[in-house]
């Protein structure tokens, strides 16, 4: 199989790393690529397909179309990391242990950087869960992902998004063990938002630590 397109992909990645290509820059068209690199259009198209699939470029159609370098979002980076995580199954207990380190560790940044919009978004997630009368695993995961976004640190957001699959899986296991604890979790989410809004780090840390420890204990009983 022709793997020449890998060379093109790696060359473009190197240009990005070196700072010679920046978000918004337009890449050469297929014909220019073929002439510059001495490869076929099939090879160029395959390279562009790979770059688009990984989120490094966006292909626009039309008279002003072309291939443009993108600025990968935390969600996209997280998705790529998540694909790697799926190759190495992670237990629910290991996931929760990692969350205890990670989420408690980012909490000071959450309190320092959370905006009024962030607080409102967290309140909305809690209100939605209360209106449903229970906390689904998806809603719980959404709350914790949004909490990480309050740091306004793209690396932290990407790591949290990459952890979404294991997070959902661990929450489902915990809910299976103790389905009645969902509403308790929603209440703790609400108290946590209030502590963040008040700027009370000690109270926020205590609430989140207890919240995660309950999950850890449930999983330990499995």
N, C-alpha and C. Protein backbone atom coordinates (compact mmCIF):
# COMPACT_ATOMS: atom_id res chain seq x y z
N UNK A 1 0.84 -1.20 0.00
CA UNK A 1 0.00 0.00 0.00
C UNK A 1 0.88 1.24 0.00
N UNK A 2 0.45 2.26 -0.78
CA UNK A 2 1.21 3.50 -0.86
C UNK A 2 1.04 4.29 0.43
N UNK A 3 2.16 4.53 1.12
CA UNK A 3 2.12 5.30 2.36
C UNK A 3 2.75 6.67 2.19
N UNK A 4 2.86 7.14 0.97
CA UNK A 4 3.50 8.43 0.71
C UNK A 4 2.76 9.57 1.38
N UNK A 5 1.43 9.40 1.57
CA UNK A 5 0.67 10.49 2.18
C UNK A 5 1.12 10.75 3.62
N UNK A 6 1.71 9.72 4.28
CA UNK A 6 2.21 9.93 5.63
C UNK A 6 3.30 11.00 5.65
N UNK A 7 4.09 11.04 4.59
CA UNK A 7 5.17 12.02 4.51
C UNK A 7 4.59 13.43 4.48
N UNK A 8 3.53 13.62 3.70
CA UNK A 8 2.88 14.93 3.61
C UNK A 8 2.29 15.32 4.96
N UNK A 9 1.61 14.39 5.59
CA UNK A 9 1.00 14.65 6.89
C UNK A 9 2.05 15.08 7.90
N UNK A 10 3.15 14.35 7.96
CA UNK A 10 4.21 14.67 8.92
C UNK A 10 4.88 16.00 8.59
N UNK A 11 5.04 16.31 7.30
CA UNK A 11 5.63 17.59 6.92
C UNK A 11 4.77 18.76 7.39
N UNK A 12 3.46 18.63 7.24
CA UNK A 12 2.55 19.69 7.66
C UNK A 12 2.54 19.82 9.19
N UNK A 13 2.57 18.69 9.87
CA UNK A 13 2.62 18.73 11.34
C UNK A 13 3.90 19.42 11.82
N UNK A 14 5.00 19.16 11.12
CA UNK A 14 6.27 19.78 11.49
C UNK A 14 6.22 21.29 11.24
N UNK A 15 5.60 21.71 10.16
CA UNK A 15 5.44 23.14 9.87
C UNK A 15 4.62 23.82 10.97
N UNK A 16 3.62 23.10 11.49
CA UNK A 16 2.79 23.64 12.58
C UNK A 16 3.63 23.77 13.85
N UNK A 17 4.39 22.70 14.16
CA UNK A 17 5.23 22.72 15.36
C UNK A 17 6.27 23.82 15.29
N UNK A 18 6.80 24.07 14.09
CA UNK A 18 7.85 25.08 13.92
C UNK A 18 7.27 26.50 13.88
N UNK A 19 5.96 26.60 13.81
CA UNK A 19 5.33 27.92 13.75
C UNK A 19 5.25 28.50 12.35
N UNK A 20 5.60 27.71 11.34
CA UNK A 20 5.54 28.19 9.96
C UNK A 20 4.13 28.13 9.38
N UNK A 21 3.25 27.38 10.03
CA UNK A 21 1.83 27.35 9.68
C UNK A 21 1.04 27.69 10.92
N UNK A 22 0.08 28.59 10.77
CA UNK A 22 -0.74 29.03 11.90
C UNK A 22 -2.21 28.89 11.57
N UNK A 23 -3.06 28.81 12.59
CA UNK A 23 -4.51 28.69 12.35
C UNK A 23 -4.99 29.77 11.38
N UNK A 24 -5.75 29.34 10.39
CA UNK A 24 -6.28 30.26 9.39
C UNK A 24 -5.48 30.26 8.10
N UNK A 25 -4.24 29.77 8.15
CA UNK A 25 -3.42 29.73 6.93
C UNK A 25 -4.02 28.76 5.92
N UNK A 26 -3.93 29.14 4.64
CA UNK A 26 -4.45 28.29 3.57
C UNK A 26 -3.33 27.41 3.03
N UNK A 27 -3.60 26.12 2.91
CA UNK A 27 -2.62 25.19 2.36
C UNK A 27 -2.62 25.26 0.84
N UNK A 28 -1.54 24.83 0.21
CA UNK A 28 -1.53 24.78 -1.26
C UNK A 28 -2.65 23.87 -1.76
N UNK A 29 -3.12 24.13 -2.99
CA UNK A 29 -4.15 23.26 -3.55
C UNK A 29 -3.53 21.94 -4.01
N UNK A 30 -4.38 21.02 -4.44
CA UNK A 30 -3.90 19.69 -4.82
C UNK A 30 -2.82 19.76 -5.91
N UNK A 31 -3.06 20.61 -6.90
CA UNK A 31 -2.11 20.69 -8.02
C UNK A 31 -0.76 21.20 -7.54
N UNK A 32 -0.78 22.22 -6.68
CA UNK A 32 0.47 22.77 -6.16
C UNK A 32 1.22 21.74 -5.32
N UNK A 33 0.46 21.00 -4.50
CA UNK A 33 1.07 19.94 -3.69
C UNK A 33 1.75 18.91 -4.58
N UNK A 34 1.06 18.50 -5.62
CA UNK A 34 1.60 17.48 -6.53
C UNK A 34 2.92 17.95 -7.16
N UNK A 35 2.92 19.22 -7.58
CA UNK A 35 4.12 19.75 -8.22
C UNK A 35 5.27 19.91 -7.24
N UNK A 36 4.96 20.39 -6.03
CA UNK A 36 6.00 20.63 -5.03
C UNK A 36 6.61 19.33 -4.51
N UNK A 37 5.76 18.31 -4.33
CA UNK A 37 6.22 17.09 -3.68
C UNK A 37 6.44 15.93 -4.64
N UNK A 38 6.02 16.09 -5.89
CA UNK A 38 6.21 15.03 -6.85
C UNK A 38 5.40 13.79 -6.54
N UNK A 39 4.17 13.99 -6.06
CA UNK A 39 3.30 12.86 -5.74
C UNK A 39 1.99 12.98 -6.53
N UNK A 40 1.21 11.91 -6.50
CA UNK A 40 -0.05 11.91 -7.24
C UNK A 40 -1.15 12.65 -6.48
N UNK A 41 -2.21 12.98 -7.20
CA UNK A 41 -3.36 13.64 -6.55
C UNK A 41 -4.03 12.71 -5.55
N UNK A 42 -4.00 11.42 -5.83
CA UNK A 42 -4.59 10.45 -4.90
C UNK A 42 -3.87 10.52 -3.55
N UNK A 43 -2.54 10.63 -3.61
CA UNK A 43 -1.75 10.71 -2.38
C UNK A 43 -2.05 11.99 -1.62
N UNK A 44 -2.14 13.11 -2.35
CA UNK A 44 -2.44 14.40 -1.72
C UNK A 44 -3.82 14.37 -1.07
N UNK A 45 -4.79 13.82 -1.79
CA UNK A 45 -6.16 13.76 -1.24
C UNK A 45 -6.23 12.92 0.02
N UNK A 46 -5.48 11.82 0.05
CA UNK A 46 -5.47 10.96 1.23
C UNK A 46 -4.84 11.70 2.41
N UNK A 47 -3.77 12.46 2.15
CA UNK A 47 -3.13 13.23 3.22
C UNK A 47 -4.08 14.28 3.78
N UNK A 48 -4.79 14.97 2.89
CA UNK A 48 -5.75 15.99 3.33
C UNK A 48 -6.90 15.35 4.10
N UNK A 49 -7.31 14.15 3.67
CA UNK A 49 -8.39 13.46 4.38
C UNK A 49 -7.97 13.14 5.81
N UNK A 50 -6.74 12.66 5.98
CA UNK A 50 -6.23 12.33 7.31
C UNK A 50 -6.14 13.59 8.17
N UNK A 51 -5.64 14.68 7.60
CA UNK A 51 -5.51 15.93 8.34
C UNK A 51 -6.87 16.47 8.75
N UNK A 52 -7.86 16.33 7.87
CA UNK A 52 -9.21 16.80 8.19
C UNK A 52 -9.84 15.93 9.28
N UNK A 53 -9.61 14.62 9.19
CA UNK A 53 -10.19 13.69 10.18
C UNK A 53 -9.63 13.94 11.57
N UNK A 54 -8.38 14.37 11.65
CA UNK A 54 -7.77 14.63 12.96
C UNK A 54 -8.03 16.06 13.43
N UNK A 55 -8.74 16.84 12.60
CA UNK A 55 -9.11 18.19 13.02
C UNK A 55 -8.05 19.24 12.79
N UNK A 56 -6.98 18.91 12.08
CA UNK A 56 -5.91 19.88 11.86
C UNK A 56 -6.23 20.86 10.73
N UNK A 57 -7.06 20.43 9.80
CA UNK A 57 -7.46 21.34 8.73
C UNK A 57 -8.97 21.30 8.54
N UNK A 58 -9.48 22.35 7.92
CA UNK A 58 -10.89 22.41 7.54
C UNK A 58 -10.96 22.64 6.05
N UNK A 59 -11.70 21.83 5.36
CA UNK A 59 -11.81 21.93 3.91
C UNK A 59 -13.10 22.65 3.55
N UNK A 60 -12.97 23.80 2.89
CA UNK A 60 -14.13 24.58 2.46
C UNK A 60 -14.30 24.47 0.96
N UNK A 61 -15.55 24.38 0.52
CA UNK A 61 -15.85 24.27 -0.91
C UNK A 61 -16.18 25.64 -1.49
N UNK A 62 -16.26 25.72 -2.79
CA UNK A 62 -16.63 26.97 -3.44
C UNK A 62 -15.44 27.72 -4.01
N UNK A 63 -15.75 28.90 -4.60
CA UNK A 63 -14.72 29.70 -5.26
C UNK A 63 -13.62 30.12 -4.29
N UNK A 64 -13.99 30.39 -3.05
CA UNK A 64 -13.00 30.81 -2.05
C UNK A 64 -12.63 29.66 -1.11
N UNK A 65 -12.89 28.47 -1.59
CA UNK A 65 -12.62 27.31 -0.76
C UNK A 65 -11.16 26.93 -0.73
N UNK A 66 -10.90 25.80 -0.12
CA UNK A 66 -9.54 25.32 0.02
C UNK A 66 -9.37 24.64 1.36
N UNK A 67 -8.14 24.29 1.68
CA UNK A 67 -7.83 23.64 2.95
C UNK A 67 -7.16 24.65 3.87
N UNK A 68 -7.75 24.86 5.04
CA UNK A 68 -7.25 25.86 5.98
C UNK A 68 -6.88 25.21 7.31
N UNK A 69 -5.78 25.67 7.86
CA UNK A 69 -5.34 25.14 9.15
C UNK A 69 -6.28 25.63 10.24
N UNK A 70 -6.68 24.71 11.11
CA UNK A 70 -7.59 25.06 12.20
C UNK A 70 -6.83 25.20 13.51
N UNK A 71 -7.57 25.66 14.50
CA UNK A 71 -7.04 25.71 15.86
C UNK A 71 -7.82 24.67 16.65
N UNK A 72 -7.27 23.47 16.85
CA UNK A 72 -8.03 22.38 17.49
C UNK A 72 -8.61 22.80 18.84
N UNK A 73 -9.88 22.52 19.04
CA UNK A 73 -10.54 22.84 20.30
C UNK A 73 -10.19 21.81 21.36
N UNK A 74 -10.39 22.17 22.65
CA UNK A 74 -10.16 21.19 23.70
C UNK A 74 -10.97 19.92 23.52
N UNK A 75 -12.21 20.08 22.98
CA UNK A 75 -13.06 18.91 22.75
C UNK A 75 -12.43 17.97 21.75
N UNK A 76 -11.88 18.54 20.67
CA UNK A 76 -11.29 17.71 19.63
C UNK A 76 -10.02 17.02 20.13
N UNK A 77 -9.19 17.77 20.84
CA UNK A 77 -7.98 17.18 21.41
C UNK A 77 -8.35 16.06 22.37
N UNK A 78 -9.39 16.32 23.18
CA UNK A 78 -9.84 15.32 24.13
C UNK A 78 -10.35 14.07 23.46
N UNK A 79 -11.06 14.25 22.34
CA UNK A 79 -11.56 13.08 21.60
C UNK A 79 -10.42 12.21 21.09
N UNK A 80 -9.37 12.86 20.59
CA UNK A 80 -8.22 12.09 20.10
C UNK A 80 -7.54 11.33 21.23
N UNK A 81 -7.43 11.97 22.39
CA UNK A 81 -6.85 11.29 23.55
C UNK A 81 -7.75 10.15 24.01
N UNK A 82 -9.05 10.39 23.92
CA UNK A 82 -10.01 9.37 24.36
C UNK A 82 -9.88 8.11 23.52
N UNK A 83 -9.63 8.27 22.22
CA UNK A 83 -9.45 7.09 21.36
C UNK A 83 -8.28 6.24 21.86
N UNK A 84 -7.23 6.90 22.33
CA UNK A 84 -6.08 6.17 22.85
C UNK A 84 -6.43 5.45 24.14
N UNK A 85 -7.23 6.10 24.98
CA UNK A 85 -7.61 5.49 26.25
C UNK A 85 -8.44 4.23 26.05
N UNK A 86 -9.24 4.21 24.98
CA UNK A 86 -10.09 3.03 24.76
C UNK A 86 -9.26 1.80 24.43
N UNK A 87 -8.02 1.99 24.01
CA UNK A 87 -7.15 0.85 23.70
C UNK A 87 -6.62 0.19 24.97
N UNK A 88 -6.74 0.89 26.09
CA UNK A 88 -6.28 0.37 27.37
C UNK A 88 -7.40 0.52 28.40
N UNK A 89 -8.25 -0.50 28.52
CA UNK A 89 -9.42 -0.41 29.41
C UNK A 89 -9.04 0.05 30.81
N UNK A 90 -9.84 0.98 31.34
CA UNK A 90 -9.60 1.55 32.67
C UNK A 90 -10.77 1.17 33.57
N UNK A 91 -10.47 0.68 34.75
CA UNK A 91 -11.54 0.26 35.67
C UNK A 91 -12.23 1.47 36.26
N UNK A 92 -13.45 1.24 36.77
CA UNK A 92 -14.22 2.30 37.40
C UNK A 92 -13.51 2.84 38.64
N UNK A 93 -12.90 1.96 39.41
CA UNK A 93 -12.19 2.38 40.62
C UNK A 93 -10.98 3.24 40.27
N UNK A 94 -10.25 2.84 39.24
CA UNK A 94 -9.07 3.62 38.81
C UNK A 94 -9.49 4.99 38.30
N UNK A 95 -10.62 5.03 37.60
CA UNK A 95 -11.13 6.30 37.09
C UNK A 95 -11.46 7.25 38.23
N UNK A 96 -12.15 6.74 39.24
CA UNK A 96 -12.54 7.58 40.37
C UNK A 96 -11.33 8.04 41.16
N UNK A 97 -10.35 7.18 41.32
CA UNK A 97 -9.12 7.56 42.01
C UNK A 97 -8.43 8.70 41.27
N UNK A 98 -8.39 8.61 39.95
CA UNK A 98 -7.79 9.68 39.14
C UNK A 98 -8.58 10.97 39.27
N UNK A 99 -9.91 10.85 39.32
CA UNK A 99 -10.75 12.04 39.47
C UNK A 99 -10.50 12.73 40.80
N UNK A 100 -10.27 11.95 41.84
CA UNK A 100 -10.02 12.56 43.15
C UNK A 100 -8.76 13.42 43.11
N UNK A 101 -7.78 12.99 42.37
CA UNK A 101 -6.54 13.76 42.25
C UNK A 101 -6.73 14.95 41.32
N UNK A 102 -7.33 14.68 40.16
CA UNK A 102 -7.45 15.69 39.11
C UNK A 102 -8.45 16.79 39.47
N UNK A 103 -9.67 16.41 39.82
CA UNK A 103 -10.71 17.41 40.05
C UNK A 103 -10.45 18.25 41.29
N UNK A 104 -9.96 17.62 42.35
CA UNK A 104 -9.61 18.40 43.54
C UNK A 104 -8.42 19.30 43.25
N UNK A 105 -7.54 18.84 42.37
CA UNK A 105 -6.36 19.63 42.03
C UNK A 105 -6.67 20.89 41.24
N UNK A 106 -7.71 20.84 40.40
CA UNK A 106 -8.03 22.00 39.58
C UNK A 106 -8.99 22.96 40.27
N UNK A 107 -9.51 22.57 41.41
CA UNK A 107 -10.53 23.37 42.09
C UNK A 107 -10.07 24.81 42.39
N UNK A 108 -8.82 25.02 42.86
CA UNK A 108 -8.39 26.41 43.09
C UNK A 108 -8.50 27.29 41.84
N UNK A 109 -8.17 26.72 40.68
CA UNK A 109 -8.29 27.48 39.43
C UNK A 109 -9.75 27.76 39.09
N UNK A 110 -10.62 26.81 39.41
CA UNK A 110 -12.05 27.00 39.16
C UNK A 110 -12.55 28.20 39.93
N UNK A 111 -12.21 28.27 41.21
CA UNK A 111 -12.67 29.39 42.03
C UNK A 111 -12.04 30.71 41.60
N UNK A 112 -10.81 30.63 41.14
CA UNK A 112 -10.10 31.85 40.74
C UNK A 112 -10.61 32.42 39.42
N UNK A 113 -11.01 31.53 38.49
CA UNK A 113 -11.29 31.97 37.13
C UNK A 113 -12.74 31.87 36.68
N UNK A 114 -13.58 31.20 37.45
CA UNK A 114 -14.98 31.02 37.04
C UNK A 114 -15.66 32.37 36.85
N UNK A 115 -16.31 32.55 35.71
CA UNK A 115 -17.02 33.78 35.41
C UNK A 115 -18.49 33.65 35.82
N UNK A 116 -19.21 34.76 35.73
CA UNK A 116 -20.64 34.73 36.03
C UNK A 116 -21.36 33.78 35.07
N UNK A 117 -20.89 33.74 33.83
CA UNK A 117 -21.48 32.83 32.84
C UNK A 117 -21.22 31.38 33.23
N UNK A 118 -20.02 31.09 33.73
CA UNK A 118 -19.69 29.73 34.17
C UNK A 118 -20.61 29.30 35.32
N UNK A 119 -20.75 30.19 36.29
CA UNK A 119 -21.59 29.89 37.46
C UNK A 119 -23.03 29.63 37.02
N UNK A 120 -23.52 30.48 36.11
CA UNK A 120 -24.90 30.32 35.63
C UNK A 120 -25.07 28.97 34.91
N UNK A 121 -24.06 28.58 34.14
CA UNK A 121 -24.13 27.31 33.41
C UNK A 121 -24.16 26.13 34.39
N UNK A 122 -23.38 26.20 35.46
CA UNK A 122 -23.38 25.14 36.47
C UNK A 122 -24.72 25.08 37.19
N UNK A 123 -25.26 26.25 37.53
CA UNK A 123 -26.58 26.30 38.18
C UNK A 123 -27.64 25.67 37.27
N UNK A 124 -27.56 25.97 35.96
CA UNK A 124 -28.54 25.43 35.01
C UNK A 124 -28.47 23.90 34.96
N UNK A 125 -27.27 23.35 35.00
CA UNK A 125 -27.11 21.89 34.97
C UNK A 125 -27.71 21.25 36.21
N UNK A 126 -27.51 21.89 37.35
CA UNK A 126 -28.09 21.37 38.60
C UNK A 126 -29.61 21.46 38.55
N UNK A 127 -30.13 22.60 38.09
CA UNK A 127 -31.58 22.78 38.00
C UNK A 127 -32.21 21.77 37.05
N UNK A 128 -31.54 21.49 35.95
CA UNK A 128 -32.05 20.51 34.98
C UNK A 128 -32.12 19.13 35.60
N UNK A 129 -31.09 18.78 36.36
CA UNK A 129 -31.08 17.46 37.02
C UNK A 129 -32.20 17.37 38.06
N UNK A 130 -32.41 18.44 38.82
CA UNK A 130 -33.46 18.44 39.84
C UNK A 130 -34.84 18.36 39.19
N UNK A 131 -35.00 19.03 38.05
CA UNK A 131 -36.29 19.02 37.36
C UNK A 131 -36.63 17.62 36.85
N UNK A 132 -35.61 16.86 36.50
CA UNK A 132 -35.82 15.49 36.03
C UNK A 132 -36.10 14.53 37.18
N UNK A 133 -35.83 14.98 38.38
CA UNK A 133 -36.08 14.15 39.55
C UNK A 133 -35.02 13.10 39.82
N UNK A 134 -33.96 13.14 39.04
CA UNK A 134 -32.87 12.18 39.22
C UNK A 134 -31.67 12.66 38.43
N UNK A 135 -30.53 12.09 38.74
CA UNK A 135 -29.32 12.46 38.02
C UNK A 135 -28.89 11.32 37.10
N UNK A 136 -28.93 11.57 35.81
CA UNK A 136 -28.45 10.56 34.88
C UNK A 136 -26.93 10.61 34.86
N UNK A 137 -26.33 9.55 34.40
CA UNK A 137 -24.86 9.55 34.33
C UNK A 137 -24.38 10.60 33.34
N UNK A 138 -25.12 10.81 32.25
CA UNK A 138 -24.73 11.82 31.26
C UNK A 138 -24.77 13.21 31.86
N UNK A 139 -25.80 13.49 32.64
CA UNK A 139 -25.94 14.82 33.25
C UNK A 139 -24.86 15.05 34.30
N UNK A 140 -24.56 14.01 35.05
CA UNK A 140 -23.51 14.13 36.05
C UNK A 140 -22.16 14.38 35.39
N UNK A 141 -21.89 13.63 34.33
CA UNK A 141 -20.63 13.81 33.62
C UNK A 141 -20.55 15.21 33.02
N UNK A 142 -21.67 15.69 32.48
CA UNK A 142 -21.70 17.03 31.88
C UNK A 142 -21.35 18.10 32.91
N UNK A 143 -21.83 17.90 34.14
CA UNK A 143 -21.53 18.87 35.21
C UNK A 143 -20.02 18.92 35.47
N UNK A 144 -19.40 17.76 35.58
CA UNK A 144 -17.97 17.72 35.92
C UNK A 144 -17.10 18.21 34.76
N UNK A 145 -17.54 17.95 33.53
CA UNK A 145 -16.82 18.48 32.36
C UNK A 145 -16.92 20.01 32.35
N UNK A 146 -18.11 20.51 32.64
CA UNK A 146 -18.32 21.98 32.66
C UNK A 146 -17.52 22.61 33.80
N UNK A 147 -17.39 21.88 34.90
CA UNK A 147 -16.60 22.37 36.03
C UNK A 147 -15.15 22.57 35.60
N UNK A 148 -14.62 21.62 34.86
CA UNK A 148 -13.24 21.74 34.37
C UNK A 148 -13.09 22.92 33.42
N UNK A 149 -14.13 23.19 32.64
CA UNK A 149 -14.08 24.31 31.69
C UNK A 149 -13.98 25.65 32.40
N UNK A 150 -14.40 25.69 33.67
CA UNK A 150 -14.32 26.93 34.45
C UNK A 150 -12.88 27.38 34.70
N UNK A 151 -11.92 26.50 34.48
CA UNK A 151 -10.51 26.87 34.66
C UNK A 151 -10.02 27.73 33.50
N UNK A 152 -10.72 27.65 32.37
CA UNK A 152 -10.32 28.37 31.15
C UNK A 152 -8.88 28.02 30.76
N UNK A 153 -8.55 26.76 30.99
CA UNK A 153 -7.25 26.22 30.61
C UNK A 153 -7.49 25.13 29.58
N UNK A 154 -7.12 25.36 28.31
CA UNK A 154 -7.40 24.38 27.26
C UNK A 154 -6.83 23.00 27.53
N UNK A 155 -5.67 22.93 28.18
CA UNK A 155 -5.07 21.63 28.47
C UNK A 155 -5.92 20.85 29.47
N UNK A 156 -6.41 21.54 30.49
CA UNK A 156 -7.26 20.89 31.49
C UNK A 156 -8.57 20.44 30.85
N UNK A 157 -9.15 21.29 30.01
CA UNK A 157 -10.40 20.93 29.33
C UNK A 157 -10.20 19.71 28.43
N UNK A 158 -9.08 19.68 27.71
CA UNK A 158 -8.81 18.56 26.82
C UNK A 158 -8.66 17.27 27.61
N UNK A 159 -7.96 17.34 28.75
CA UNK A 159 -7.79 16.15 29.57
C UNK A 159 -9.12 15.65 30.11
N UNK A 160 -9.99 16.58 30.50
CA UNK A 160 -11.30 16.18 31.02
C UNK A 160 -12.14 15.56 29.93
N UNK A 161 -12.09 16.13 28.73
CA UNK A 161 -12.86 15.56 27.61
C UNK A 161 -12.32 14.18 27.23
N UNK A 162 -11.00 14.01 27.33
CA UNK A 162 -10.42 12.71 26.99
C UNK A 162 -10.86 11.64 27.97
N UNK A 163 -11.24 12.08 29.17
CA UNK A 163 -11.63 11.17 30.24
C UNK A 163 -13.13 10.90 30.24
N UNK A 164 -13.84 11.45 29.26
CA UNK A 164 -15.30 11.37 29.27
C UNK A 164 -15.81 9.93 29.24
N UNK A 165 -15.19 9.10 28.38
CA UNK A 165 -15.63 7.71 28.28
C UNK A 165 -15.50 6.95 29.58
N UNK A 166 -14.28 6.92 30.19
CA UNK A 166 -14.12 6.26 31.48
C UNK A 166 -15.00 6.87 32.57
N UNK A 167 -15.22 8.20 32.52
CA UNK A 167 -16.06 8.86 33.51
C UNK A 167 -17.49 8.33 33.44
N UNK A 168 -18.05 8.28 32.23
CA UNK A 168 -19.41 7.76 32.05
C UNK A 168 -19.50 6.32 32.54
N UNK A 169 -18.52 5.51 32.16
CA UNK A 169 -18.53 4.09 32.55
C UNK A 169 -18.50 3.93 34.06
N UNK A 170 -17.66 4.68 34.74
CA UNK A 170 -17.55 4.56 36.20
C UNK A 170 -18.82 5.02 36.89
N UNK A 171 -19.45 6.08 36.36
CA UNK A 171 -20.70 6.58 36.95
C UNK A 171 -21.83 5.56 36.77
N UNK A 172 -21.82 4.86 35.65
CA UNK A 172 -22.85 3.85 35.42
C UNK A 172 -22.70 2.68 36.38
N UNK A 173 -21.46 2.29 36.62
CA UNK A 173 -21.21 1.20 37.57
C UNK A 173 -21.66 1.63 38.96
N UNK A 174 -21.30 2.86 39.35
CA UNK A 174 -21.66 3.35 40.68
C UNK A 174 -23.18 3.44 40.83
N UNK A 175 -23.86 3.85 39.76
CA UNK A 175 -25.32 3.97 39.83
C UNK A 175 -25.97 2.60 39.93
N UNK A 176 -25.39 1.62 39.29
CA UNK A 176 -25.92 0.26 39.38
C UNK A 176 -25.84 -0.26 40.82
N UNK A 177 -24.75 0.08 41.50
CA UNK A 177 -24.56 -0.37 42.88
C UNK A 177 -25.50 0.35 43.84
N UNK A 178 -25.68 1.66 43.63
CA UNK A 178 -26.53 2.44 44.54
C UNK A 178 -27.35 3.44 43.74
N UNK A 179 -28.42 2.99 43.08
CA UNK A 179 -29.22 3.86 42.21
C UNK A 179 -29.89 5.01 42.95
N UNK A 180 -30.14 4.85 44.25
CA UNK A 180 -30.83 5.88 45.03
C UNK A 180 -29.94 7.07 45.37
N UNK A 181 -28.64 6.98 45.12
CA UNK A 181 -27.72 8.04 45.51
C UNK A 181 -27.63 9.16 44.47
N UNK A 182 -28.34 9.01 43.35
CA UNK A 182 -28.29 10.03 42.30
C UNK A 182 -28.72 11.40 42.78
N UNK A 183 -29.84 11.46 43.51
CA UNK A 183 -30.33 12.75 44.00
C UNK A 183 -29.37 13.38 45.01
N UNK A 184 -28.71 12.54 45.80
CA UNK A 184 -27.71 13.05 46.73
C UNK A 184 -26.58 13.73 45.96
N UNK A 185 -26.21 13.12 44.85
CA UNK A 185 -25.16 13.71 44.02
C UNK A 185 -25.57 15.06 43.45
N UNK A 186 -26.84 15.19 43.04
CA UNK A 186 -27.34 16.45 42.51
C UNK A 186 -27.28 17.53 43.60
N UNK A 187 -27.67 17.17 44.81
CA UNK A 187 -27.62 18.12 45.93
C UNK A 187 -26.20 18.60 46.17
N UNK A 188 -25.25 17.66 46.11
CA UNK A 188 -23.86 18.02 46.32
C UNK A 188 -23.35 18.92 45.21
N UNK A 189 -23.79 18.68 43.99
CA UNK A 189 -23.43 19.56 42.88
C UNK A 189 -23.90 20.98 43.17
N UNK A 190 -25.13 21.09 43.66
CA UNK A 190 -25.69 22.41 43.98
C UNK A 190 -24.89 23.12 45.07
N UNK A 191 -24.56 22.39 46.13
CA UNK A 191 -23.78 22.97 47.23
C UNK A 191 -22.39 23.39 46.74
N UNK A 192 -21.83 22.60 45.83
CA UNK A 192 -20.51 22.91 45.30
C UNK A 192 -20.54 24.22 44.51
N UNK A 193 -21.56 24.39 43.68
CA UNK A 193 -21.68 25.62 42.91
C UNK A 193 -21.81 26.83 43.84
N UNK A 194 -22.59 26.67 44.90
CA UNK A 194 -22.77 27.77 45.86
C UNK A 194 -21.44 28.14 46.51
N UNK A 195 -20.65 27.13 46.86
CA UNK A 195 -19.34 27.39 47.48
C UNK A 195 -18.40 28.10 46.50
N UNK A 196 -18.46 27.68 45.23
CA UNK A 196 -17.63 28.33 44.21
C UNK A 196 -18.07 29.78 44.03
N UNK A 197 -19.36 29.98 44.00
CA UNK A 197 -19.91 31.33 43.83
C UNK A 197 -19.50 32.23 44.99
N UNK A 198 -19.43 31.65 46.18
CA UNK A 198 -19.04 32.41 47.38
C UNK A 198 -17.52 32.59 47.49
N UNK A 199 -16.79 31.90 46.64
CA UNK A 199 -15.34 31.97 46.69
C UNK A 199 -14.75 31.25 47.88
N UNK A 200 -15.47 30.26 48.39
CA UNK A 200 -15.03 29.52 49.59
C UNK A 200 -14.35 28.22 49.15
N UNK A 201 -13.03 28.27 49.02
CA UNK A 201 -12.28 27.11 48.54
C UNK A 201 -12.35 25.94 49.50
N UNK A 202 -12.21 26.20 50.79
CA UNK A 202 -12.22 25.11 51.78
C UNK A 202 -13.55 24.36 51.74
N UNK A 203 -14.65 25.11 51.66
CA UNK A 203 -15.97 24.46 51.63
C UNK A 203 -16.15 23.71 50.32
N UNK A 204 -15.73 24.31 49.21
CA UNK A 204 -15.84 23.66 47.91
C UNK A 204 -15.03 22.38 47.88
N UNK A 205 -13.82 22.43 48.43
CA UNK A 205 -12.96 21.24 48.45
C UNK A 205 -13.57 20.14 49.31
N UNK A 206 -14.15 20.49 50.44
CA UNK A 206 -14.76 19.50 51.33
C UNK A 206 -15.96 18.83 50.65
N UNK A 207 -16.77 19.63 49.98
CA UNK A 207 -17.96 19.09 49.30
C UNK A 207 -17.55 18.15 48.17
N UNK A 208 -16.60 18.58 47.35
CA UNK A 208 -16.18 17.76 46.22
C UNK A 208 -15.46 16.49 46.69
N UNK A 209 -14.66 16.62 47.74
CA UNK A 209 -13.94 15.46 48.28
C UNK A 209 -14.94 14.41 48.77
N UNK A 210 -15.97 14.86 49.49
CA UNK A 210 -16.99 13.93 49.99
C UNK A 210 -17.77 13.31 48.83
N UNK A 211 -18.06 14.12 47.84
CA UNK A 211 -18.81 13.68 46.66
C UNK A 211 -18.07 12.56 45.94
N UNK A 212 -16.79 12.75 45.72
CA UNK A 212 -15.99 11.74 45.02
C UNK A 212 -15.70 10.53 45.90
N UNK A 213 -15.54 10.76 47.19
CA UNK A 213 -15.25 9.64 48.10
C UNK A 213 -16.45 8.69 48.18
N UNK A 214 -17.67 9.23 48.13
CA UNK A 214 -18.84 8.36 48.16
C UNK A 214 -18.84 7.43 46.95
N UNK A 215 -18.49 7.98 45.79
CA UNK A 215 -18.41 7.15 44.58
C UNK A 215 -17.33 6.09 44.74
N UNK A 216 -16.18 6.50 45.27
CA UNK A 216 -15.07 5.56 45.46
C UNK A 216 -15.46 4.42 46.39
N UNK A 217 -16.17 4.74 47.45
CA UNK A 217 -16.60 3.72 48.42
C UNK A 217 -17.59 2.74 47.80
N UNK A 218 -18.50 3.28 46.99
CA UNK A 218 -19.49 2.41 46.33
C UNK A 218 -18.78 1.42 45.40
N UNK A 219 -17.80 1.91 44.68
CA UNK A 219 -17.08 1.07 43.74
C UNK A 219 -16.21 0.06 44.46
N UNK A 220 -15.72 0.42 45.64
CA UNK A 220 -14.88 -0.50 46.42
C UNK A 220 -15.70 -1.67 46.93
N UNK A 221 -17.02 -1.46 47.08
CA UNK A 221 -17.90 -2.52 47.58
C UNK A 221 -18.29 -3.52 46.49
N UNK A 222 -17.98 -3.15 45.24
CA UNK A 222 -18.38 -3.99 44.10
C UNK A 222 -17.66 -5.34 44.12
